[in-house]
Amino acid sequence: MSDSNLAEFLASVELLSALSAEELSRLAGQASVTEHGFGDTLFEAGDEADGLYVVKSGIIRLFKQEEGKEISVGLRKEEQTFSELAILREHRHEYSARASGEAELLRIPRRALKEVLGRSPEAASFVTNYVAINSAGGLMSQLFDLRKRVNKDELEDLVRSLGVKRFAAGEVILEQDSGEDKRLYIVRSGKVKVVRKDKKT
C-alpha cells in the first residue's frame, strides 16, 4: 500500500482525526505494515511499548494473565488502535496482544508521533485527552463511539470536554438542588450512593 493510501486510511482512525492531511502523510511515511495469522502473538505484557498499533484489517485480542488464566481485555477491529499510551510516554505493555485470525496492522513509532504532535499543539491536546480518557477505562470506545455520527469538530469538542476525576470514600460529589454543576458523571469504578432529602412542608 502506498503512503498516500495509508494516509487516507489513517484519516479514518478516530484517535488521529485531529491531524491534518500533511501530518497524516508524515506518519504514513514512517509507519510499518505487518501481516499476522491466527494465534500470532504481537507482544506480551511487560514488553516495552514503543509505538501505536492501528488495525488495518482483522481482529486483535487483548488479554491479561491472572492465576494462569487468560482474562480478555477487549478486541480491536478495523480502524481501531491499541498501545495508545506509547504516544505519551515510555512504558511497558499492561496486556498481551494476539491475532484472532488473519490480520494486517500498521505500527507507528513513538518518535514519529512525538515529532508530528510537537508541531501541532491543538492535535497534541486532542490526542493526549483522548488517550488519557481511553486508558482510564475505555470510556471513548465503550460509550462514545461517535466517529460516523458526528463531524470532526464536534468530536474534538467532546474529547476536550471530558475529564477523569477521583473521589475519596465519603466525599460528596453533588449537592441536592445545586444548579451549578451541570456535568454528566459516569462511574468507572467503585460505588456511589445517591441520597435524596425530602423537603419539609
Protein backbone atom coordinates (compact mmCIF):
# COMPACT_ATOMS: atom_id res chain seq x y z
CA MET A 1 0.00 0.00 0.00
CA SER A 2 1.36 3.43 -0.97
CA ASP A 3 1.98 6.20 1.56
CA SER A 4 -0.94 8.19 0.10
CA ASN A 5 -3.31 5.26 0.59
CA LEU A 6 -2.01 4.75 4.13
CA ALA A 7 -2.60 8.43 4.87
CA GLU A 8 -6.18 8.13 3.63
CA PHE A 9 -6.71 5.13 5.86
CA LEU A 10 -5.23 6.91 8.89
CA ALA A 11 -7.70 9.76 8.33
CA SER A 12 -10.47 7.27 9.24
CA VAL A 13 -8.90 6.47 12.63
CA GLU A 14 -10.70 8.27 15.45
CA LEU A 15 -7.58 8.85 17.55
CA LEU A 16 -5.84 10.60 14.65
CA SER A 17 -8.85 12.59 13.42
CA ALA A 18 -7.45 15.93 14.63
CA LEU A 19 -4.37 15.67 12.38
CA SER A 20 -4.13 17.41 9.04
CA ALA A 21 -3.62 15.61 5.72
CA GLU A 22 0.02 16.68 5.72
CA GLU A 23 0.58 15.37 9.25
CA LEU A 24 -1.07 12.06 8.39
CA SER A 25 1.18 11.77 5.34
CA ARG A 26 4.23 12.16 7.58
CA LEU A 27 3.01 9.38 9.84
CA ALA A 28 2.19 7.15 6.88
CA GLY A 29 5.73 7.59 5.61
CA GLN A 30 7.14 6.19 8.85
CA ALA A 31 4.53 3.51 9.54
CA SER A 32 5.36 -0.15 9.05
CA VAL A 33 2.81 -2.70 7.80
CA THR A 34 2.79 -6.22 9.22
CA GLU A 35 0.63 -9.26 8.46
CA HIS A 36 -0.30 -11.87 11.05
CA GLY A 37 -2.02 -15.23 11.13
CA PHE A 38 -4.34 -16.83 13.65
CA GLY A 39 -2.71 -17.14 17.07
CA ASP A 40 0.26 -14.89 16.32
CA THR A 41 1.40 -13.01 19.43
CA LEU A 42 2.20 -9.36 18.74
CA PHE A 43 3.63 -8.65 22.17
CA GLU A 44 3.27 -9.82 25.75
CA ALA A 45 2.53 -7.99 28.97
CA GLY A 46 5.76 -6.47 30.26
CA ASP A 47 7.30 -5.94 26.82
CA GLU A 48 8.48 -2.45 26.03
CA ALA A 49 5.88 -0.36 24.19
CA ASP A 50 7.47 1.85 21.57
CA GLY A 51 4.68 2.68 19.14
CA LEU A 52 0.99 2.89 18.28
CA TYR A 53 -0.78 -0.02 16.56
CA VAL A 54 -3.66 0.52 14.13
CA VAL A 55 -5.75 -2.39 12.88
CA LYS A 56 -5.94 -2.27 9.08
CA SER A 57 -7.95 -5.49 8.86
CA GLY A 58 -8.80 -8.45 11.05
CA ILE A 59 -9.29 -8.68 14.80
CA ILE A 60 -6.74 -8.42 17.62
CA ARG A 61 -7.49 -9.82 21.07
CA LEU A 62 -6.02 -8.09 24.13
CA PHE A 63 -5.71 -10.12 27.32
CA LYS A 64 -4.04 -10.44 30.71
CA GLN A 65 -2.82 -13.47 32.63
CA GLU A 66 -4.33 -13.93 36.08
CA GLU A 67 -3.66 -17.08 38.11
CA GLY A 68 -2.72 -18.96 34.97
CA LYS A 69 -5.87 -17.95 33.09
CA GLU A 70 -6.27 -15.55 30.19
CA ILE A 71 -8.59 -12.67 31.02
CA SER A 72 -9.87 -10.80 27.99
CA VAL A 73 -9.29 -7.04 27.99
CA GLY A 74 -11.07 -6.44 24.69
CA LEU A 75 -10.97 -6.74 20.93
CA ARG A 76 -9.63 -4.27 18.39
CA LYS A 77 -11.04 -4.24 14.87
CA GLU A 78 -10.50 -2.27 11.66
CA GLU A 79 -9.67 1.43 12.22
CA GLN A 80 -9.21 0.86 15.96
CA THR A 81 -5.97 1.33 17.89
CA PHE A 82 -4.10 -0.15 20.83
CA SER A 83 -0.91 0.61 22.75
CA GLU A 84 -2.02 4.26 22.84
CA LEU A 85 -0.05 5.09 25.98
CA ALA A 86 3.13 4.69 23.95
CA ILE A 87 2.26 8.03 22.33
CA LEU A 88 2.55 9.87 25.64
CA ARG A 89 5.43 8.22 27.46
CA GLU A 90 7.77 5.28 27.72
CA HIS A 91 6.10 2.33 29.37
CA ARG A 92 5.65 -1.42 29.20
CA HIS A 93 2.55 -3.13 27.90
CA GLU A 94 -0.01 -3.92 30.59
CA TYR A 95 -1.58 -6.65 28.47
CA SER A 96 -0.71 -9.11 25.69
CA ALA A 97 -1.99 -8.94 22.10
CA ARG A 98 -2.77 -11.84 19.79
CA ALA A 99 -4.29 -12.10 16.31
CA SER A 100 -7.71 -13.79 16.29
CA GLY A 101 -7.34 -14.60 12.60
CA GLU A 102 -5.59 -13.12 9.61
CA ALA A 103 -4.83 -9.51 10.39
CA GLU A 104 -2.95 -6.58 8.91
CA LEU A 105 -1.56 -3.90 11.22
CA LEU A 106 0.13 -0.54 10.98
CA ARG A 107 2.71 0.34 13.59
CA ILE A 108 3.66 3.99 14.02
CA PRO A 109 6.83 4.61 16.09
CA ARG A 110 6.60 6.89 19.12
CA ARG A 111 9.28 9.19 17.73
CA ALA A 112 7.22 9.82 14.58
CA LEU A 113 4.12 10.65 16.62
CA LYS A 114 6.03 12.91 19.00
CA GLU A 115 7.56 14.80 16.10
CA VAL A 116 4.19 15.43 14.40
CA LEU A 117 2.34 16.29 17.61
CA GLY A 118 5.17 18.56 18.72
CA ARG A 119 4.40 20.82 15.77
CA SER A 120 0.64 20.93 16.36
CA PRO A 121 -0.48 21.93 19.88
CA GLU A 122 -4.18 21.51 19.06
CA ALA A 123 -3.74 17.99 17.69
CA ALA A 124 -1.46 17.13 20.64
CA SER A 125 -4.13 18.30 23.10
CA PHE A 126 -6.81 16.21 21.39
CA VAL A 127 -4.66 13.06 21.27
CA THR A 128 -3.46 13.49 24.88
CA ASN A 129 -7.01 13.89 26.21
CA TYR A 130 -8.29 11.01 24.11
CA VAL A 131 -5.55 8.64 25.28
CA ALA A 132 -5.90 9.69 28.93
CA ILE A 133 -9.65 9.08 28.95
CA ASN A 134 -9.42 5.85 26.96
CA SER A 135 -6.73 4.43 29.24
CA ALA A 136 -8.79 5.35 32.29
CA GLY A 137 -11.35 2.74 31.44
CA GLY A 138 -12.04 2.59 27.73
CA LEU A 139 -14.63 5.35 28.01
CA MET A 140 -14.25 6.52 24.46
CA SER A 141 -14.51 3.06 22.94
CA GLN A 142 -17.33 1.86 25.21
CA LEU A 143 -19.58 4.91 25.38
CA PHE A 144 -18.57 7.41 22.75
CA ASP A 145 -18.08 5.51 19.50
CA LEU A 146 -19.17 8.55 17.53
CA ARG A 147 -16.76 8.62 14.60
CA LYS A 148 -19.52 8.16 11.99
CA ARG A 149 -22.22 10.03 13.93
CA VAL A 150 -20.64 13.43 14.50
CA ASN A 151 -18.32 15.61 12.45
CA LYS A 152 -14.65 16.20 13.19
CA ASP A 153 -15.15 19.49 15.08
CA GLU A 154 -17.90 18.03 17.27
CA LEU A 155 -15.75 15.01 18.11
CA GLU A 156 -12.80 17.21 19.07
CA ASP A 157 -15.03 19.39 21.28
CA LEU A 158 -16.40 16.29 23.01
CA VAL A 159 -12.98 14.82 23.76
CA ARG A 160 -11.64 18.12 25.09
CA SER A 161 -14.68 18.50 27.36
CA LEU A 162 -14.25 15.09 29.04
CA GLY A 163 -12.23 14.57 32.16
CA VAL A 164 -11.41 11.98 34.82
CA LYS A 165 -11.99 12.76 38.50
CA ARG A 166 -11.37 10.61 41.56
CA PHE A 167 -13.31 10.84 44.82
CA ALA A 168 -12.41 9.57 48.27
CA ALA A 169 -14.79 7.42 50.31
CA GLY A 170 -17.45 9.63 51.87
CA GLU A 171 -16.68 12.62 49.68
CA VAL A 172 -19.72 14.50 48.35
CA ILE A 173 -19.88 14.63 44.56
CA LEU A 174 -23.05 16.67 44.11
CA GLU A 175 -25.34 18.58 46.45
CA GLN A 176 -29.09 18.22 46.05
CA ASP A 177 -30.76 21.26 44.40
CA SER A 178 -27.41 22.70 43.38
CA GLY A 179 -27.67 24.03 39.84
CA GLU A 180 -24.01 24.97 39.49
CA ASP A 181 -22.65 21.60 38.33
CA LYS A 182 -24.33 20.58 35.07
CA ARG A 183 -21.87 17.84 34.15
CA LEU A 184 -22.73 14.22 33.40
CA TYR A 185 -20.92 11.78 35.72
CA ILE A 186 -20.18 8.19 34.72
CA VAL A 187 -18.99 5.77 37.40
CA ARG A 188 -15.91 3.94 36.09
CA SER A 189 -15.10 2.04 39.29
CA GLY A 190 -16.35 1.85 42.85
CA LYS A 191 -19.84 2.58 44.15
CA VAL A 192 -21.77 5.81 44.53
CA LYS A 193 -24.62 6.26 46.99
CA VAL A 194 -27.41 8.57 45.87
CA VAL A 195 -29.37 10.15 48.73
CA ARG A 196 -32.49 12.29 48.33
CA LYS A 197 -33.54 14.53 51.16
CA ASP A 198 -37.28 15.21 51.36
CA LYS A 199 -38.14 18.84 51.86
CA LYS A 200 -40.23 19.69 54.90
CA THR A 201 -43.50 21.44 54.10
